[in-house]
Amino acid sequence: MLPAISQVCSLPSPFEKDLADYAAGNWQHIELWFTKLEIYLQSHSISAVQELASQNQLTFPVASFQGGLLNPHGQGRELAWELFNQRLQICQQLEIGTLVVACDILDTPGESDWPLIMDSLKQVADQAAQADTRVALEFQAEAKLGNNLQTTASLVAEINHPFLGICLDAFHFYVGPSNTEDLACLTSDNLFHVQLCDLADCPRELAKDGNRILPGEGDIPLKAILTHLSRINYQRHISIELMNPQLWQVPALQFGQTSWSAFNSLLQQAGITDGDSIST
């Protein structure tokens, strides 16, 4: 497991500043937030992003996220595919190995929609392969199809493409219909990325992204997740991802330091030491 932090944790912070602040907080691997990156690229070049990575000794292994590709009746579908291809080019230029794609099928699909959904998923994998970028399919708790780990694992297995795998987001895992037994669906081959957060004092049925808190401070069974990741010898990245407006008020430097401590504390609680499964 390789520890990472998502830029969305400090969304209001300027792109270049949170990179420097996270690096100062011991983070070496950053999950880029694509909207934030694209705003920066409106006035800067790709080489400027590469220079920031070099100056701060950072890598950008993962970027989040792309939506709108799989819903057969979604508005803006063509625009989503155009944006997806643009983002794949950026991934290739910045050597971003994994792009998170949301399984955001929010309308109940009919039987006739199934072939289009599967064709779209295969096309996602094929186009990503051309850019040498893996796609991590993230199930969404509110989706009508692909709202749980078991179904998502089945979709990935049916496509059977080396550039298509699973993104396990602890929030969607907990608030949706998944359960800890479903973790058995995850292997070192099909799991491409992991995102951690926690929830406290909030019924799962009412939980929103803005309720996310630092991992280890709430009720999500993170120990079970980490134990399974260790069991399957998961070697890819595991990032902290929060979209909490209250935490956005914390300066990126302070949040980077606090989240690094929380991450390591969580590993200790799960019985995982630096020498076992975690590498920086």
Protein backbone atom coordinates (compact mmCIF):
# COMPACT_ATOMS: atom_id res chain seq x y z
CA MET A 1 0.00 0.00 0.00
CA LEU A 2 1.21 3.44 -0.94
CA PRO A 3 -0.20 6.36 1.08
CA ALA A 4 -1.66 9.28 -0.88
CA ILE A 5 -3.83 12.31 -0.26
CA SER A 6 -6.47 13.80 -2.54
CA GLN A 7 -6.37 17.48 -3.42
CA VAL A 8 -10.12 17.67 -2.84
CA CYS A 9 -9.34 17.60 0.89
CA SER A 10 -8.19 21.24 0.54
CA LEU A 11 -10.36 22.28 -2.38
CA PRO A 12 -10.21 26.09 -1.82
CA SER A 13 -6.41 26.07 -1.58
CA PRO A 14 -4.55 27.12 -4.76
CA PHE A 15 -3.28 24.18 -6.81
CA GLU A 16 0.41 24.92 -6.37
CA LYS A 17 0.08 25.78 -2.68
CA ASP A 18 -1.55 22.58 -1.51
CA LEU A 19 1.06 20.55 -3.39
CA ALA A 20 3.82 22.33 -1.48
CA ASP A 21 1.92 22.13 1.81
CA TYR A 22 1.13 18.43 1.45
CA ALA A 23 4.77 17.72 0.64
CA ALA A 24 5.74 19.60 3.81
CA GLY A 25 3.34 17.35 5.70
CA ASN A 26 5.24 14.21 4.58
CA TRP A 27 2.96 13.25 1.68
CA GLN A 28 4.78 12.12 -1.45
CA HIS A 29 1.88 10.82 -3.56
CA ILE A 30 -0.98 13.11 -4.57
CA GLU A 31 -4.37 12.17 -5.99
CA LEU A 32 -5.02 15.08 -8.33
CA TRP A 33 -8.51 16.58 -8.45
CA PHE A 34 -9.13 17.08 -12.14
CA THR A 35 -11.27 20.22 -12.00
CA LYS A 36 -8.63 21.91 -9.88
CA LEU A 37 -5.87 20.78 -12.24
CA GLU A 38 -7.78 22.01 -15.28
CA ILE A 39 -8.28 25.46 -13.74
CA TYR A 40 -4.53 25.64 -13.13
CA LEU A 41 -3.85 24.57 -16.73
CA GLN A 42 -5.92 27.49 -18.03
CA SER A 43 -2.98 29.75 -17.20
CA HIS A 44 -0.09 27.28 -16.90
CA SER A 45 1.48 24.56 -19.00
CA ILE A 46 1.83 20.85 -18.41
CA SER A 47 5.53 21.45 -17.91
CA ALA A 48 4.70 23.84 -15.04
CA VAL A 49 2.80 21.00 -13.32
CA GLN A 50 5.75 18.69 -13.90
CA GLU A 51 8.07 21.31 -12.41
CA LEU A 52 5.88 21.54 -9.29
CA ALA A 53 6.10 17.78 -8.92
CA SER A 54 9.87 17.89 -9.26
CA GLN A 55 10.32 20.82 -6.85
CA ASN A 56 8.21 19.15 -4.16
CA GLN A 57 9.39 15.58 -4.86
CA LEU A 58 5.85 14.45 -5.56
CA THR A 59 4.25 11.86 -7.79
CA PHE A 60 0.76 12.01 -9.29
CA PRO A 61 -0.30 8.37 -9.51
CA VAL A 62 -4.07 8.94 -9.53
CA ALA A 63 -6.58 11.55 -10.69
CA SER A 64 -10.27 11.91 -9.85
CA PHE A 65 -12.78 11.81 -11.30
CA GLN A 66 -14.68 11.35 -14.57
CA GLY A 67 -18.44 10.95 -14.62
CA GLY A 68 -21.23 10.80 -17.16
CA LEU A 69 -19.82 8.00 -19.32
CA LEU A 70 -22.01 5.04 -18.44
CA ASN A 71 -25.54 6.36 -17.88
CA PRO A 72 -27.29 5.49 -21.19
CA HIS A 73 -29.78 8.36 -20.80
CA GLY A 74 -27.58 10.89 -19.06
CA GLN A 75 -27.62 14.48 -20.23
CA GLY A 76 -24.32 15.71 -21.58
CA ARG A 77 -23.10 12.24 -22.44
CA GLU A 78 -21.25 13.38 -25.57
CA LEU A 79 -19.58 16.20 -23.67
CA ALA A 80 -18.54 13.74 -20.95
CA TRP A 81 -16.84 11.51 -23.51
CA GLU A 82 -15.08 14.50 -25.06
CA LEU A 83 -13.84 15.56 -21.63
CA PHE A 84 -12.77 11.99 -20.86
CA ASN A 85 -10.53 11.91 -23.92
CA GLN A 86 -9.02 15.28 -23.04
CA ARG A 87 -8.30 14.06 -19.53
CA LEU A 88 -6.72 10.88 -20.81
CA GLN A 89 -4.28 13.02 -22.80
CA ILE A 90 -3.40 14.93 -19.63
CA CYS A 91 -2.96 11.66 -17.75
CA GLN A 92 -0.58 10.44 -20.42
CA GLN A 93 1.43 13.68 -20.38
CA LEU A 94 1.72 13.72 -16.58
CA GLU A 95 2.21 9.95 -16.32
CA ILE A 96 -0.88 9.60 -14.13
CA GLY A 97 -1.31 5.85 -13.94
CA THR A 98 -4.94 5.66 -12.82
CA LEU A 99 -8.07 7.70 -13.54
CA VAL A 100 -11.11 7.19 -11.30
CA VAL A 101 -14.37 6.84 -13.28
CA ALA A 102 -17.71 7.06 -11.48
CA CYS A 103 -20.32 4.39 -12.05
CA ASP A 104 -22.98 7.09 -11.94
CA ILE A 105 -25.95 5.34 -13.53
CA LEU A 106 -28.57 7.34 -11.66
CA ASP A 107 -31.65 6.30 -13.68
CA THR A 108 -33.01 2.78 -13.50
CA PRO A 109 -31.76 1.07 -16.69
CA GLY A 110 -34.07 -1.02 -18.82
CA GLU A 111 -33.18 -4.38 -20.29
CA SER A 112 -32.38 -2.75 -23.62
CA ASP A 113 -29.89 -0.42 -21.89
CA TRP A 114 -27.62 -3.22 -20.72
CA PRO A 115 -25.71 -3.69 -24.01
CA LEU A 116 -25.03 0.06 -24.22
CA ILE A 117 -23.77 0.18 -20.64
CA MET A 118 -21.41 -2.72 -21.21
CA ASP A 119 -20.25 -1.37 -24.57
CA SER A 120 -19.57 1.98 -22.92
CA LEU A 121 -17.56 0.34 -20.15
CA LYS A 122 -15.49 -1.59 -22.67
CA GLN A 123 -14.93 1.61 -24.66
CA VAL A 124 -13.78 3.36 -21.49
CA ALA A 125 -11.18 0.63 -20.93
CA ASP A 126 -10.07 0.56 -24.57
CA GLN A 127 -9.56 4.31 -24.80
CA ALA A 128 -7.76 4.39 -21.48
CA ALA A 129 -5.42 1.65 -22.68
CA GLN A 130 -4.46 3.79 -25.67
CA ALA A 131 -3.33 6.45 -23.19
CA ASP A 132 -1.60 3.84 -21.03
CA THR A 133 -3.86 4.83 -18.13
CA ARG A 134 -5.80 2.43 -15.92
CA VAL A 135 -9.45 3.11 -15.12
CA ALA A 136 -10.63 2.50 -11.54
CA LEU A 137 -14.41 2.12 -11.60
CA GLU A 138 -15.92 3.66 -8.45
CA PHE A 139 -19.32 2.36 -7.40
CA GLN A 140 -21.69 5.08 -6.21
CA ALA A 141 -24.04 4.40 -3.29
CA GLU A 142 -26.87 6.37 -4.91
CA ALA A 143 -26.60 4.70 -8.34
CA LYS A 144 -29.35 2.47 -9.72
CA LEU A 145 -26.75 0.08 -11.13
CA GLY A 146 -23.26 -0.34 -9.71
CA ASN A 147 -24.03 0.93 -6.21
CA ASN A 148 -22.14 -1.82 -4.41
CA LEU A 149 -18.83 -3.63 -4.46
CA GLN A 150 -20.18 -7.01 -5.53
CA THR A 151 -21.92 -5.72 -8.67
CA THR A 152 -18.95 -3.55 -9.60
CA ALA A 153 -16.60 -6.51 -9.30
CA SER A 154 -18.95 -8.48 -11.58
CA LEU A 155 -18.99 -5.67 -14.17
CA VAL A 156 -15.20 -5.49 -14.16
CA ALA A 157 -14.89 -9.27 -14.41
CA GLU A 158 -17.33 -9.40 -17.35
CA ILE A 159 -15.40 -6.79 -19.32
CA ASN A 160 -12.15 -8.59 -18.37
CA HIS A 161 -9.82 -5.83 -19.52
CA PRO A 162 -6.33 -5.29 -18.07
CA PHE A 163 -6.89 -1.52 -17.91
CA LEU A 164 -10.19 -1.74 -16.00
CA GLY A 165 -10.37 -2.33 -12.26
CA ILE A 166 -12.14 -1.20 -9.10
CA CYS A 167 -11.91 1.91 -6.96
CA LEU A 168 -12.95 1.16 -3.40
CA ASP A 169 -14.27 4.35 -1.80
CA ALA A 170 -14.90 3.70 1.90
CA PHE A 171 -17.76 6.22 1.95
CA HIS A 172 -19.76 4.54 -0.82
CA PHE A 173 -18.88 1.14 0.61
CA TYR A 174 -20.36 2.09 3.97
CA VAL A 175 -23.43 4.11 3.05
CA GLY A 176 -24.51 1.82 0.21
CA PRO A 177 -25.68 -1.81 0.26
CA SER A 178 -22.18 -3.32 0.40
CA ASN A 179 -21.06 -5.30 3.45
CA THR A 180 -17.75 -6.51 4.81
CA GLU A 181 -18.25 -9.97 3.28
CA ASP A 182 -18.11 -8.30 -0.15
CA LEU A 183 -14.46 -7.45 0.45
CA ALA A 184 -13.75 -11.00 -0.68
CA CYS A 185 -14.50 -9.73 -4.22
CA LEU A 186 -11.30 -7.68 -4.12
CA THR A 187 -8.02 -9.11 -5.32
CA SER A 188 -4.59 -7.67 -5.99
CA ASP A 189 -5.47 -7.86 -9.70
CA ASN A 190 -8.86 -6.12 -9.82
CA LEU A 191 -8.34 -3.45 -7.13
CA PHE A 192 -6.76 -0.38 -8.75
CA HIS A 193 -7.29 2.30 -6.09
CA VAL A 194 -8.62 2.86 -2.54
CA GLN A 195 -10.02 6.05 -0.99
CA LEU A 196 -10.44 6.36 2.77
CA CYS A 197 -12.56 8.57 4.99
CA ASP A 198 -14.84 8.06 7.99
CA LEU A 199 -18.31 8.99 9.24
CA ALA A 200 -19.56 9.69 12.75
CA ASP A 201 -22.85 10.72 14.38
CA CYS A 202 -24.68 10.47 11.06
CA PRO A 203 -27.12 7.75 9.92
CA ARG A 204 -25.85 6.05 6.81
CA GLU A 205 -29.13 6.82 5.02
CA LEU A 206 -28.60 10.56 5.51
CA ALA A 207 -24.84 10.72 4.98
CA LYS A 208 -23.50 13.08 2.32
CA ASP A 209 -19.99 13.64 0.99
CA GLY A 210 -19.78 16.73 3.19
CA ASN A 211 -20.03 14.52 6.29
CA ARG A 212 -16.71 12.81 5.58
CA ILE A 213 -14.13 13.06 8.36
CA LEU A 214 -10.58 11.83 8.85
CA PRO A 215 -10.27 8.03 8.85
CA GLY A 216 -10.12 6.42 12.26
CA GLU A 217 -12.48 8.90 13.94
CA GLY A 218 -15.83 7.31 13.04
CA ASP A 219 -17.87 4.20 12.36
CA ILE A 220 -16.75 2.89 8.96
CA PRO A 221 -15.13 -0.57 9.36
CA LEU A 222 -11.76 0.64 8.12
CA LYS A 223 -9.86 -1.99 10.10
CA ALA A 224 -11.64 -4.74 8.16
CA ILE A 225 -10.84 -2.99 4.88
CA LEU A 226 -7.16 -2.54 5.71
CA THR A 227 -6.86 -6.09 6.99
CA HIS A 228 -8.20 -7.40 3.69
CA LEU A 229 -5.86 -5.14 1.71
CA SER A 230 -2.95 -6.53 3.67
CA ARG A 231 -4.22 -10.07 3.15
CA ILE A 232 -4.31 -9.71 -0.65
CA ASN A 233 -0.95 -7.90 -0.63
CA TYR A 234 -2.40 -4.76 -2.18
CA GLN A 235 0.52 -2.74 -3.57
CA ARG A 236 -1.20 0.27 -5.16
CA HIS A 237 -2.23 3.61 -3.66
CA ILE A 238 -4.60 4.26 -0.80
CA SER A 239 -5.62 7.89 -0.43
CA ILE A 240 -7.44 10.07 2.05
CA GLU A 241 -10.38 11.72 0.29
CA LEU A 242 -12.65 14.18 2.11
CA MET A 243 -15.17 16.69 0.72
CA ASN A 244 -16.04 18.32 4.02
CA PRO A 245 -16.59 22.12 3.76
CA GLN A 246 -15.67 22.55 7.43
CA LEU A 247 -12.34 20.81 6.93
CA TRP A 248 -11.73 22.91 3.83
CA GLN A 249 -11.25 25.82 6.24
CA VAL A 250 -8.17 24.13 7.71
CA PRO A 251 -4.97 25.37 6.01
CA ALA A 252 -3.55 22.76 3.65
CA LEU A 253 -0.26 22.58 5.55
CA GLN A 254 -2.02 21.85 8.83
CA PHE A 255 -4.41 19.41 7.20
CA GLY A 256 -1.54 17.61 5.50
CA GLN A 257 0.24 17.11 8.81
CA THR A 258 -2.91 16.10 10.68
CA SER A 259 -4.05 13.67 8.00
CA TRP A 260 -0.61 12.04 7.86
CA SER A 261 -0.77 11.38 11.60
CA ALA A 262 -4.34 10.07 11.30
CA PHE A 263 -3.34 7.74 8.48
CA ASN A 264 -0.47 6.23 10.42
CA SER A 265 -2.56 5.94 13.57
CA LEU A 266 -5.17 4.02 11.60
CA LEU A 267 -2.53 1.62 10.34
CA GLN A 268 -1.36 0.98 13.88
CA GLN A 269 -4.94 0.28 14.97
CA ALA A 270 -5.23 -2.23 12.13
CA GLY A 271 -1.98 -3.88 13.18
CA ILE A 272 -0.14 -2.79 10.03
CA THR A 273 3.34 -1.38 10.48
CA ASP A 274 5.52 0.52 8.05
CA GLY A 275 7.69 -2.51 7.57
CA ASP A 276 4.77 -4.76 6.70
CA SER A 277 2.63 -3.25 3.97
CA ILE A 278 3.17 0.49 3.73
CA SER A 279 5.77 2.19 1.61
CA THR A 280 6.29 5.86 0.94
